[in-house]
Amino acid sequence: MSEADELGDMLARAWRILCRSAGPGSDAALMAMATLSPDGWPEVRMVVLREAEPGAGQVATYIDLHSSKVESLRKSGRVAFTTWHPDERTQIRMAGNAGLIHGPETAARWAALTGAARLNYGQAPRPGAPIAAADAYAKTADPDSFAVLTCRIETMDVVDLAHPHRRALYSRSGDWAGQWLAP
């Protein structure tokens, strides 16, 4: 097998992991999402991978439109994700440009959520606001608070920790050809 074939296989495997993992319940569905706050500080939080589209080179997660991460995304437009799949012993890091979809365009996704999941979108006061006590907030399923955060991936760094360890970096600008890196 040629180096190009091996690089292509590793990228295809990463996308298979992401596609299989999209949605709650998969080990790799939980991803760390990093943004920069409006004042330049790194922010990292856990999100659920909801969609993976290899052809478009895009992943998506759902967020509350009133959360502080939306302000961060509007400021820089950049986002990064990291996920780990324990069975595959594979770490996937992605960085790219964020987009937000909300309103009527998200109706089908909203309809597909369970009632419990809908409660994650819409609360008073808004997520991150100071409150007087731990339970001084109310959750209400609000489709106007629901948004889809898309990431048009620009780079993907894949680390395979099976023996021997392998690592490759792929970029949209390089037509996803890949480059081996020291693990």
Protein backbone atom coordinates (compact mmCIF):
# COMPACT_ATOMS: atom_id res chain seq x y z
CA MET A 1 0.00 0.00 0.00
CA SER A 2 1.39 3.44 -0.92
CA GLU A 3 1.86 6.31 1.54
CA ALA A 4 -0.97 8.22 -0.21
CA ASP A 5 -3.29 5.21 0.20
CA GLU A 6 -2.40 4.87 3.90
CA LEU A 7 -3.00 8.60 4.45
CA GLY A 8 -6.33 8.35 2.61
CA ASP A 9 -7.36 5.31 4.66
CA MET A 10 -6.59 7.12 7.93
CA LEU A 11 -8.69 10.13 6.90
CA ALA A 12 -11.56 7.86 5.78
CA ARG A 13 -11.36 6.03 9.12
CA ALA A 14 -11.57 9.34 11.02
CA TRP A 15 -14.70 10.30 9.06
CA ARG A 16 -16.24 6.84 9.68
CA ILE A 17 -15.66 7.33 13.42
CA LEU A 18 -17.28 10.79 13.30
CA CYS A 19 -20.26 9.62 11.24
CA ARG A 20 -20.88 6.61 13.51
CA SER A 21 -20.51 8.80 16.60
CA ALA A 22 -22.92 11.59 15.65
CA GLY A 23 -25.67 11.82 18.25
CA PRO A 24 -25.90 11.20 21.98
CA GLY A 25 -24.75 7.87 23.36
CA SER A 26 -21.53 7.23 21.46
CA ASP A 27 -18.16 7.46 23.19
CA ALA A 28 -16.84 9.85 20.55
CA ALA A 29 -20.00 11.99 20.47
CA LEU A 30 -18.72 14.04 23.39
CA MET A 31 -16.26 16.57 22.05
CA ALA A 32 -14.30 19.35 23.66
CA MET A 33 -15.11 22.59 21.84
CA ALA A 34 -12.72 25.52 22.05
CA THR A 35 -13.34 29.16 21.18
CA LEU A 36 -11.78 32.48 22.12
CA SER A 37 -13.77 34.75 24.39
CA PRO A 38 -14.37 38.31 23.19
CA ASP A 39 -11.50 39.43 25.45
CA GLY A 40 -9.14 36.80 23.98
CA TRP A 41 -9.19 34.06 26.63
CA PRO A 42 -9.51 30.42 25.57
CA GLU A 43 -12.84 28.79 26.41
CA VAL A 44 -13.38 25.04 26.32
CA ARG A 45 -16.61 23.18 26.95
CA MET A 46 -18.09 19.78 26.15
CA VAL A 47 -20.64 19.46 23.36
CA VAL A 48 -22.33 16.56 21.57
CA LEU A 49 -21.40 15.86 17.96
CA ARG A 50 -24.75 15.86 16.14
CA GLU A 51 -23.79 15.68 12.46
CA ALA A 52 -20.75 14.74 10.40
CA GLU A 53 -20.64 15.33 6.65
CA PRO A 54 -17.45 14.05 5.00
CA GLY A 55 -18.37 15.35 1.54
CA ALA A 56 -18.78 18.89 2.85
CA GLY A 57 -15.94 18.54 5.35
CA GLN A 58 -18.28 19.72 8.09
CA VAL A 59 -19.45 18.78 11.58
CA ALA A 60 -22.26 20.25 13.65
CA THR A 61 -23.47 20.49 17.23
CA TYR A 62 -26.52 22.08 18.83
CA ILE A 63 -26.27 25.10 21.12
CA ASP A 64 -28.43 27.59 23.00
CA LEU A 65 -28.49 30.78 20.96
CA HIS A 66 -28.25 32.83 24.17
CA SER A 67 -25.12 31.15 25.55
CA SER A 68 -21.85 33.07 25.82
CA LYS A 69 -20.20 30.85 23.21
CA VAL A 70 -22.36 32.50 20.55
CA GLU A 71 -20.79 35.89 21.33
CA SER A 72 -17.35 34.27 21.15
CA LEU A 73 -18.15 32.69 17.78
CA ARG A 74 -19.49 35.94 16.38
CA LYS A 75 -16.30 37.73 17.46
CA SER A 76 -13.76 35.38 15.86
CA GLY A 77 -15.74 32.88 13.79
CA ARG A 78 -13.20 30.17 14.61
CA VAL A 79 -13.77 26.98 16.55
CA ALA A 80 -11.85 23.81 17.37
CA PHE A 81 -13.03 20.38 18.48
CA THR A 82 -11.27 17.36 19.95
CA THR A 83 -12.78 13.93 20.39
CA TRP A 84 -11.40 10.58 21.51
CA HIS A 85 -12.73 7.19 20.48
CA PRO A 86 -11.49 4.66 23.06
CA ASP A 87 -12.28 1.48 21.08
CA GLU A 88 -10.52 2.81 17.99
CA ARG A 89 -7.75 4.38 20.14
CA THR A 90 -8.07 7.45 17.94
CA GLN A 91 -7.99 11.16 18.74
CA ILE A 92 -9.45 13.56 16.17
CA ARG A 93 -8.80 17.29 16.38
CA MET A 94 -10.59 19.63 13.99
CA ALA A 95 -10.35 23.38 13.50
CA GLY A 96 -12.41 25.55 11.24
CA ASN A 97 -14.86 28.33 10.66
CA ALA A 98 -18.13 28.38 12.54
CA GLY A 99 -21.57 29.10 11.21
CA LEU A 100 -24.86 29.46 13.09
CA ILE A 101 -28.21 28.27 11.80
CA HIS A 102 -31.38 29.17 13.71
CA GLY A 103 -35.03 29.93 13.13
CA PRO A 104 -37.21 28.08 10.61
CA GLU A 105 -34.20 26.38 9.03
CA THR A 106 -33.75 24.29 12.22
CA ALA A 107 -37.38 23.14 12.56
CA ALA A 108 -36.75 19.53 11.47
CA ARG A 109 -33.83 19.15 13.86
CA TRP A 110 -35.88 20.65 16.71
CA ALA A 111 -38.76 18.27 15.96
CA ALA A 112 -36.38 15.28 16.13
CA LEU A 113 -35.22 16.14 19.68
CA THR A 114 -36.79 14.44 22.69
CA GLY A 115 -38.72 16.57 25.16
CA ALA A 116 -35.89 16.25 27.68
CA ALA A 117 -33.30 17.32 25.11
CA ARG A 118 -35.37 20.35 24.14
CA LEU A 119 -35.08 21.62 27.71
CA ASN A 120 -31.37 22.31 27.00
CA TYR A 121 -32.41 25.20 24.75
CA GLY A 122 -34.18 27.99 26.54
CA GLN A 123 -33.75 29.01 30.13
CA ALA A 124 -34.12 32.11 32.24
CA PRO A 125 -31.83 33.71 32.95
CA ARG A 126 -29.61 32.97 29.94
CA PRO A 127 -26.82 30.35 30.32
CA GLY A 128 -23.83 31.75 32.20
CA ALA A 129 -25.73 34.61 33.88
CA PRO A 130 -25.07 35.08 37.62
CA ILE A 131 -27.80 33.64 39.85
CA ALA A 132 -28.52 33.91 43.59
CA ALA A 133 -28.70 30.14 44.24
CA ALA A 134 -27.75 26.94 42.43
CA ASP A 135 -31.36 26.31 41.37
CA ALA A 136 -32.41 29.92 40.65
CA TYR A 137 -33.21 29.33 36.99
CA ALA A 138 -36.04 27.90 34.95
CA LYS A 139 -35.72 25.66 31.90
CA THR A 140 -38.29 25.97 29.15
CA ALA A 141 -38.11 24.25 25.78
CA ASP A 142 -37.80 27.22 23.43
CA PRO A 143 -37.23 26.64 19.71
CA ASP A 144 -36.19 30.31 19.38
CA SER A 145 -33.19 29.53 21.61
CA PHE A 146 -32.15 26.50 19.55
CA ALA A 147 -29.28 26.86 17.09
CA VAL A 148 -27.06 24.58 15.04
CA LEU A 149 -23.38 25.40 15.17
CA THR A 150 -21.69 24.18 12.01
CA CYS A 151 -17.95 23.94 11.53
CA ARG A 152 -16.47 24.03 8.05
CA ILE A 153 -13.33 22.09 8.87
CA GLU A 154 -10.09 23.62 7.61
CA THR A 155 -7.69 21.19 9.33
CA MET A 156 -8.03 17.73 10.83
CA ASP A 157 -5.28 16.16 12.97
CA VAL A 158 -5.76 12.42 13.47
CA VAL A 159 -3.74 10.42 16.01
CA ASP A 160 -3.97 6.63 15.94
CA LEU A 161 -2.60 5.17 19.18
CA ALA A 162 -2.70 1.56 18.02
CA HIS A 163 0.76 0.03 17.65
CA PRO A 164 2.66 1.63 16.04
CA HIS A 165 1.41 5.14 16.82
CA ARG A 166 0.63 7.22 13.73
CA ARG A 167 -0.42 10.81 13.23
CA ALA A 168 -1.46 12.75 10.15
CA LEU A 169 -2.59 16.28 9.42
CA TYR A 170 -5.14 17.00 6.68
CA SER A 171 -6.17 20.38 5.34
CA ARG A 172 -8.87 21.67 3.08
CA SER A 173 -6.29 23.92 1.39
CA GLY A 174 -4.20 20.80 0.63
CA ASP A 175 -7.21 19.01 -0.88
CA TRP A 176 -7.18 16.66 2.13
CA ALA A 177 -4.07 14.85 0.82
CA GLY A 178 -2.51 14.58 4.29
CA GLN A 179 0.93 14.82 5.80
CA TRP A 180 2.43 12.40 8.30
CA LEU A 181 3.47 13.97 11.60
CA ALA A 182 5.48 12.57 14.48
CA PRO A 183 2.90 11.24 16.96
